[in-house]
Protein backbone atom coordinates (compact mmCIF):
# COMPACT_ATOMS: atom_id res chain seq x y z
CA MET A 1 168.06 -141.30 -153.90
CA ALA A 2 166.93 -137.68 -153.85
CA SER A 3 165.58 -136.37 -150.58
CA HIS A 4 162.55 -134.14 -150.28
CA HIS A 5 162.16 -131.44 -147.69
CA THR A 6 159.73 -128.71 -146.83
CA SER A 7 160.89 -125.17 -147.59
CA MET A 8 160.06 -122.59 -144.95
CA HIS A 9 161.10 -119.14 -143.80
CA PRO A 10 163.92 -119.39 -141.24
CA ASP A 11 162.13 -117.00 -138.90
CA LEU A 12 159.14 -119.35 -138.82
CA LYS A 13 161.38 -122.27 -137.93
CA ASP A 14 162.88 -120.27 -135.07
CA VAL A 15 159.43 -119.42 -133.76
CA ILE A 16 158.04 -122.93 -134.06
CA GLY A 17 160.99 -124.70 -132.49
CA ASP A 18 161.28 -128.46 -132.73
CA LYS A 19 160.40 -130.63 -135.72
CA GLN A 20 157.29 -132.14 -134.15
CA ALA A 21 155.81 -128.74 -133.38
CA PHE A 22 156.50 -127.59 -136.93
CA GLU A 23 154.84 -130.66 -138.42
CA GLN A 24 151.75 -129.94 -136.36
CA LEU A 25 151.44 -126.61 -138.15
CA GLN A 26 151.34 -128.14 -141.62
CA PRO A 27 147.85 -128.18 -143.19
CA SER A 28 146.48 -131.60 -143.95
CA PRO A 29 145.49 -132.52 -147.53
CA SER A 30 142.44 -130.79 -148.98
CA PRO A 31 139.26 -132.46 -147.70
CA LYS A 32 136.93 -134.30 -150.03
CA GLY A 33 133.26 -133.41 -150.14
CA PRO A 34 131.47 -130.46 -148.44
CA ILE A 35 133.48 -128.38 -146.01
CA ASP A 36 132.56 -126.10 -143.14
CA LEU A 37 134.43 -124.20 -140.47
CA LEU A 38 135.19 -127.41 -138.57
CA THR A 39 136.65 -129.43 -141.44
CA ASP A 40 140.04 -130.70 -140.27
CA ALA A 41 140.07 -128.07 -137.51
CA PRO A 42 142.18 -128.93 -134.44
CA GLU A 43 140.58 -129.33 -131.03
CA PRO A 44 140.36 -126.27 -128.77
CA GLY A 45 143.54 -125.76 -126.80
CA THR A 46 145.74 -127.78 -129.17
CA TYR A 47 146.81 -124.88 -131.42
CA THR A 48 149.03 -121.85 -130.91
CA LEU A 49 148.15 -118.44 -132.34
CA TYR A 50 151.40 -116.55 -132.81
CA GLN A 51 151.65 -112.78 -132.48
CA MET A 52 151.76 -110.93 -135.79
CA LYS A 53 154.50 -108.40 -136.48
CA PRO A 54 153.70 -105.68 -137.12
CA ILE A 55 150.17 -105.31 -135.78
CA LEU A 56 147.57 -103.40 -137.79
CA GLU A 57 147.99 -99.69 -137.06
CA ASP A 58 146.89 -98.10 -140.35
CA SER A 59 143.49 -98.95 -141.85
CA MET A 60 145.02 -98.65 -145.31
CA ASP A 61 147.00 -101.83 -144.53
CA PHE A 62 143.92 -103.89 -143.61
CA ASP A 63 143.92 -106.13 -146.69
CA SER A 64 147.60 -107.09 -146.40
CA TRP A 65 147.20 -107.59 -142.63
CA LEU A 66 144.20 -109.87 -143.20
CA GLU A 67 146.12 -111.89 -145.79
CA CYS A 68 148.92 -112.42 -143.28
CA ALA A 69 146.45 -113.47 -140.57
CA SER A 70 144.74 -115.89 -142.95
CA ASN A 71 148.07 -117.46 -143.91
CA LEU A 72 148.99 -118.00 -140.26
CA LEU A 73 145.61 -119.60 -139.56
CA HIS A 74 145.82 -121.75 -142.69
CA ALA A 75 148.95 -123.40 -141.33
CA GLN A 76 146.79 -124.83 -138.53
CA ASN A 77 143.62 -125.46 -140.55
CA LEU A 78 141.85 -122.56 -138.88
CA HIS A 79 141.46 -120.25 -141.88
CA HIS A 80 137.85 -121.34 -142.54
CA PHE A 81 136.84 -119.59 -139.34
CA LEU A 82 137.29 -116.23 -141.09
CA ASP A 83 134.67 -117.01 -143.74
CA ILE A 84 131.16 -116.15 -142.61
CA CYS A 85 129.72 -118.11 -145.54
CA LEU A 86 131.06 -121.33 -144.00
CA ARG A 87 129.53 -120.80 -140.56
CA PRO A 88 127.78 -124.00 -139.37
CA ASN A 89 124.17 -124.06 -138.20
CA THR A 90 123.43 -123.82 -134.50
CA ASP A 91 122.26 -127.44 -134.53
CA HIS A 92 125.62 -128.63 -135.87
CA PRO A 93 126.81 -131.56 -133.70
CA ARG A 94 130.07 -129.71 -132.99
CA ALA A 95 128.66 -126.21 -132.64
CA GLN A 96 130.26 -125.75 -129.21
CA LYS A 97 133.69 -126.49 -130.67
CA TRP A 98 133.12 -123.83 -133.32
CA ILE A 99 132.07 -121.24 -130.70
CA ILE A 100 135.21 -121.80 -128.61
CA ILE A 101 137.64 -121.69 -131.56
CA SER A 102 135.93 -118.76 -133.26
CA ARG A 103 136.09 -116.68 -130.10
CA ASP A 104 139.75 -117.62 -129.63
CA ILE A 105 140.55 -116.38 -133.12
CA GLN A 106 138.51 -113.21 -132.64
CA LYS A 107 140.49 -112.35 -129.50
CA TRP A 108 143.72 -113.07 -131.39
CA LEU A 109 142.69 -110.75 -134.23
CA VAL A 110 141.90 -107.96 -131.78
CA SER A 111 145.27 -108.42 -130.07
CA ASN A 112 146.98 -107.90 -133.42
CA MET A 113 145.55 -104.46 -134.15
CA SER A 114 145.89 -101.08 -132.51
CA VAL A 115 143.46 -99.94 -129.85
CA GLU A 116 142.35 -97.12 -132.16
CA ILE A 117 141.37 -99.42 -135.01
CA TYR A 118 139.64 -101.91 -132.72
CA SER A 119 137.70 -99.08 -131.07
CA MET A 120 136.56 -97.85 -134.47
CA ILE A 121 135.28 -101.33 -135.34
CA ARG A 122 133.68 -101.94 -131.94
CA ASP A 123 132.00 -98.53 -131.74
CA ALA A 124 130.18 -99.10 -135.06
CA GLY A 125 127.84 -101.41 -133.16
CA TYR A 126 127.93 -104.47 -135.43
CA ASP A 127 128.23 -108.10 -134.30
CA ILE A 128 131.94 -108.80 -133.82
CA GLN A 129 131.96 -111.50 -131.13
CA PHE A 130 133.03 -114.30 -133.49
CA ALA A 131 135.97 -114.38 -135.90
CA ASP A 132 133.91 -114.52 -139.09
CA SER A 133 131.52 -111.70 -138.17
CA PHE A 134 134.43 -109.66 -136.83
CA ILE A 135 136.25 -109.81 -140.18
CA PHE A 136 133.07 -109.34 -142.21
CA ASN A 137 132.08 -106.17 -140.34
CA ALA A 138 135.65 -104.89 -139.88
CA ARG A 139 136.12 -104.95 -143.64
CA ARG A 140 132.85 -103.09 -144.16
CA ILE A 141 133.70 -100.44 -141.53
CA ILE A 142 137.31 -99.94 -142.62
CA ASN A 143 136.43 -99.74 -146.31
CA THR A 144 133.86 -97.07 -145.55
CA THR A 145 136.28 -95.16 -143.32
CA THR A 146 139.09 -95.50 -145.85
CA LEU A 147 136.85 -94.17 -148.64
CA ALA A 148 136.02 -91.15 -146.51
CA ALA A 149 139.71 -90.60 -145.75
CA VAL A 150 140.63 -90.88 -149.42
CA GLY A 151 137.91 -88.40 -150.32
CA GLN A 152 139.16 -85.98 -147.70
CA THR A 153 142.74 -86.31 -148.99
CA LEU A 154 141.65 -85.72 -152.57
CA ASP A 155 139.58 -82.70 -151.63
CA GLY A 156 142.55 -81.27 -149.73
CA ILE A 157 144.63 -81.33 -152.91
CA VAL A 158 142.50 -80.94 -156.03
CA TRP A 159 140.55 -77.98 -154.67
CA LEU A 160 143.62 -75.97 -153.67
CA LYS A 161 143.61 -72.45 -155.14
CA LYS A 162 146.45 -69.96 -155.29
CA ASP A 163 144.07 -67.21 -154.14
CA ASP A 164 143.67 -69.03 -150.81
CA PHE A 165 147.34 -68.29 -150.02
CA GLN A 166 149.27 -65.09 -149.46
CA THR A 167 152.03 -66.08 -151.90
CA CYS A 168 152.52 -68.37 -154.86
CA LEU A 169 155.38 -70.06 -153.02
CA GLU A 170 153.17 -70.95 -150.08
CA PHE A 171 150.61 -72.45 -152.47
CA VAL A 172 153.24 -74.54 -154.30
CA ILE A 173 154.83 -75.84 -151.11
CA THR A 174 151.43 -76.79 -149.66
CA ILE A 175 150.34 -78.76 -152.72
CA ARG A 176 153.77 -80.41 -152.91
CA ASP A 177 153.71 -81.53 -149.27
CA ARG A 178 150.13 -82.80 -149.41
CA PHE A 179 150.85 -84.76 -152.57
CA ARG A 180 153.92 -86.38 -150.98
CA ARG A 181 151.99 -87.35 -147.85
CA SER A 182 149.14 -88.82 -149.89
CA ASN A 183 151.57 -90.99 -151.85
CA LYS A 184 153.33 -92.11 -148.68
CA GLY A 185 150.05 -93.07 -147.01
CA THR A 186 148.72 -95.16 -149.86
CA GLY A 187 151.93 -96.68 -151.13
CA ALA A 188 150.56 -97.02 -154.68
CA GLY A 189 150.09 -93.28 -155.31
CA LEU A 190 146.62 -91.87 -154.74
CA ILE A 191 146.87 -89.07 -157.30
CA HIS A 192 148.60 -89.18 -160.67
CA PRO A 193 151.44 -86.59 -160.75
CA LEU A 194 150.06 -85.20 -164.01
CA ILE A 195 146.99 -83.98 -162.12
CA ILE A 196 149.21 -82.02 -159.74
CA PHE A 197 151.07 -80.52 -162.70
CA HIS A 198 147.75 -79.53 -164.29
CA ILE A 199 146.70 -77.75 -161.07
CA LEU A 200 150.01 -75.89 -160.98
CA VAL A 201 149.63 -74.86 -164.62
CA HIS A 202 146.06 -73.68 -164.08
CA GLU A 203 146.86 -71.67 -160.94
CA LEU A 204 150.26 -70.25 -161.91
CA GLN A 205 149.98 -69.55 -165.64
CA GLY A 206 149.04 -65.94 -164.89
CA LYS A 207 151.78 -65.56 -162.26
CA ILE A 208 154.87 -67.01 -163.93
CA PRO A 209 153.64 -67.34 -167.56
CA VAL A 210 157.00 -67.70 -169.28
CA PHE A 211 158.08 -70.59 -167.07
CA ILE A 212 154.72 -72.38 -167.29
CA LYS A 213 154.54 -72.08 -171.10
CA SER A 214 158.08 -73.40 -171.47
CA LYS A 215 157.35 -76.42 -169.24
CA VAL A 216 154.12 -77.26 -171.06
CA ALA A 217 155.92 -77.07 -174.40
CA GLU A 218 158.79 -79.17 -173.06
CA LEU A 219 156.44 -81.93 -171.88
CA ASN A 220 154.34 -81.92 -175.02
CA GLY A 221 157.44 -82.30 -177.16
CA GLY A 222 159.42 -84.65 -174.97
CA LYS A 223 157.02 -87.42 -173.95
CA GLU A 224 155.09 -89.67 -176.28
CA ASN A 225 152.36 -90.50 -173.74
CA LEU A 226 152.10 -88.06 -170.80
CA VAL A 227 149.70 -90.21 -168.77
CA ARG A 228 152.04 -93.18 -169.01
CA ASP A 229 155.43 -91.44 -169.02
CA PHE A 230 155.02 -88.48 -166.63
CA THR A 231 156.40 -89.63 -163.28
CA VAL A 232 156.59 -88.41 -159.69
CA GLU A 233 160.28 -87.68 -160.32
CA ASP A 234 159.32 -85.42 -163.26
CA LEU A 235 156.85 -83.56 -161.06
CA ASN A 236 159.36 -83.15 -158.24
CA MET A 237 161.92 -81.65 -160.61
CA ILE A 238 159.38 -79.15 -161.92
CA ILE A 239 158.24 -78.21 -158.40
CA ASP A 240 161.86 -77.73 -157.30
CA GLU A 241 162.37 -75.35 -160.23
CA ILE A 242 159.21 -73.43 -159.34
CA VAL A 243 160.23 -73.14 -155.67
CA SER A 244 163.69 -71.93 -156.69
CA LEU A 245 162.17 -69.36 -159.06
CA LEU A 246 159.60 -68.08 -156.55
CA THR A 247 162.24 -67.74 -153.85
CA PHE A 248 163.81 -64.88 -155.82
CA VAL A 249 160.91 -63.56 -157.95
CA LYS A 250 157.77 -61.91 -156.56
CA PRO A 251 154.86 -62.61 -158.94
CA PRO A 252 152.10 -60.01 -159.29
CA GLY A 253 149.49 -60.36 -156.55
CA ASP A 254 151.73 -61.84 -153.85
CA ASN A 255 150.97 -60.07 -150.59
CA GLN A 256 154.14 -60.38 -148.50
CA VAL A 257 157.60 -59.63 -149.85
CA GLY A 258 159.54 -61.19 -146.97
CA MET A 259 157.52 -64.35 -146.58
CA TYR A 260 159.37 -66.74 -148.92
CA ARG A 261 162.29 -67.79 -146.78
CA GLY A 262 160.06 -68.28 -143.73
CA VAL A 263 157.62 -70.51 -145.61
CA ARG A 264 160.43 -72.53 -147.12
CA ALA A 265 162.11 -73.15 -143.77
CA ALA A 266 158.84 -73.96 -142.02
CA SER A 267 157.99 -76.62 -144.60
CA THR A 268 161.31 -78.44 -144.40
CA PRO A 269 160.09 -81.16 -141.92
CA ASN A 270 157.20 -82.01 -144.25
CA ASP A 271 159.59 -82.38 -147.17
CA GLN A 272 161.26 -85.25 -145.38
CA ASN A 273 158.05 -87.20 -144.74
């Protein structure tokens, strides 16, 4: 006769320990009928809230961090406490139980984020004393802050002008490093590499016209769909060629002849980020 067993991550088994403790973490079957925050919830003091690794240190990771927290709470039938729409009325017969558990979870959430992020949420002045209101307002605050940060990052790249720099090389290295940092911070790529190439073409076509014209022609003839097929690797290769060219050629309008090698060396740490 075939045996059935529950599949689980080995690290979770190590954390939980014995079989009885593990079984206590398994969610019970879905309840029938209306649910609220207290449906199938354990009694205060009978659950263990394990430390999350890593804690939330970057606001851009909030959604994935929250998903992890929700999964951990779901294993103990505590996930409903994150949903403000399921909050029971104050006259609920077990309202006191909800208050105790919700505050426990709120403290646990705070302990799993950096002091800087918690301070940003707290200092906004919204209600964050319970788990559901903490998550509701944290999401609102972080989304607003993240939007502002994204806008600042975009402005710091798309508005770059060659005329703001003493040399073409300094301009190219700056836009390259900012683009790389923006991609690293967002993971998914905040700016399409074709936009960076367009900025380079626009700003450098009067400085190194032969090179720019040849690259534009090469891309137009070599890729069926530039938006789909032009990659970060393609952009990096083009930028490397431009840097190599500008290291030995002084375009018209560059202000300092001996600046190239110094700029290139000074930017090396950023290249590795």
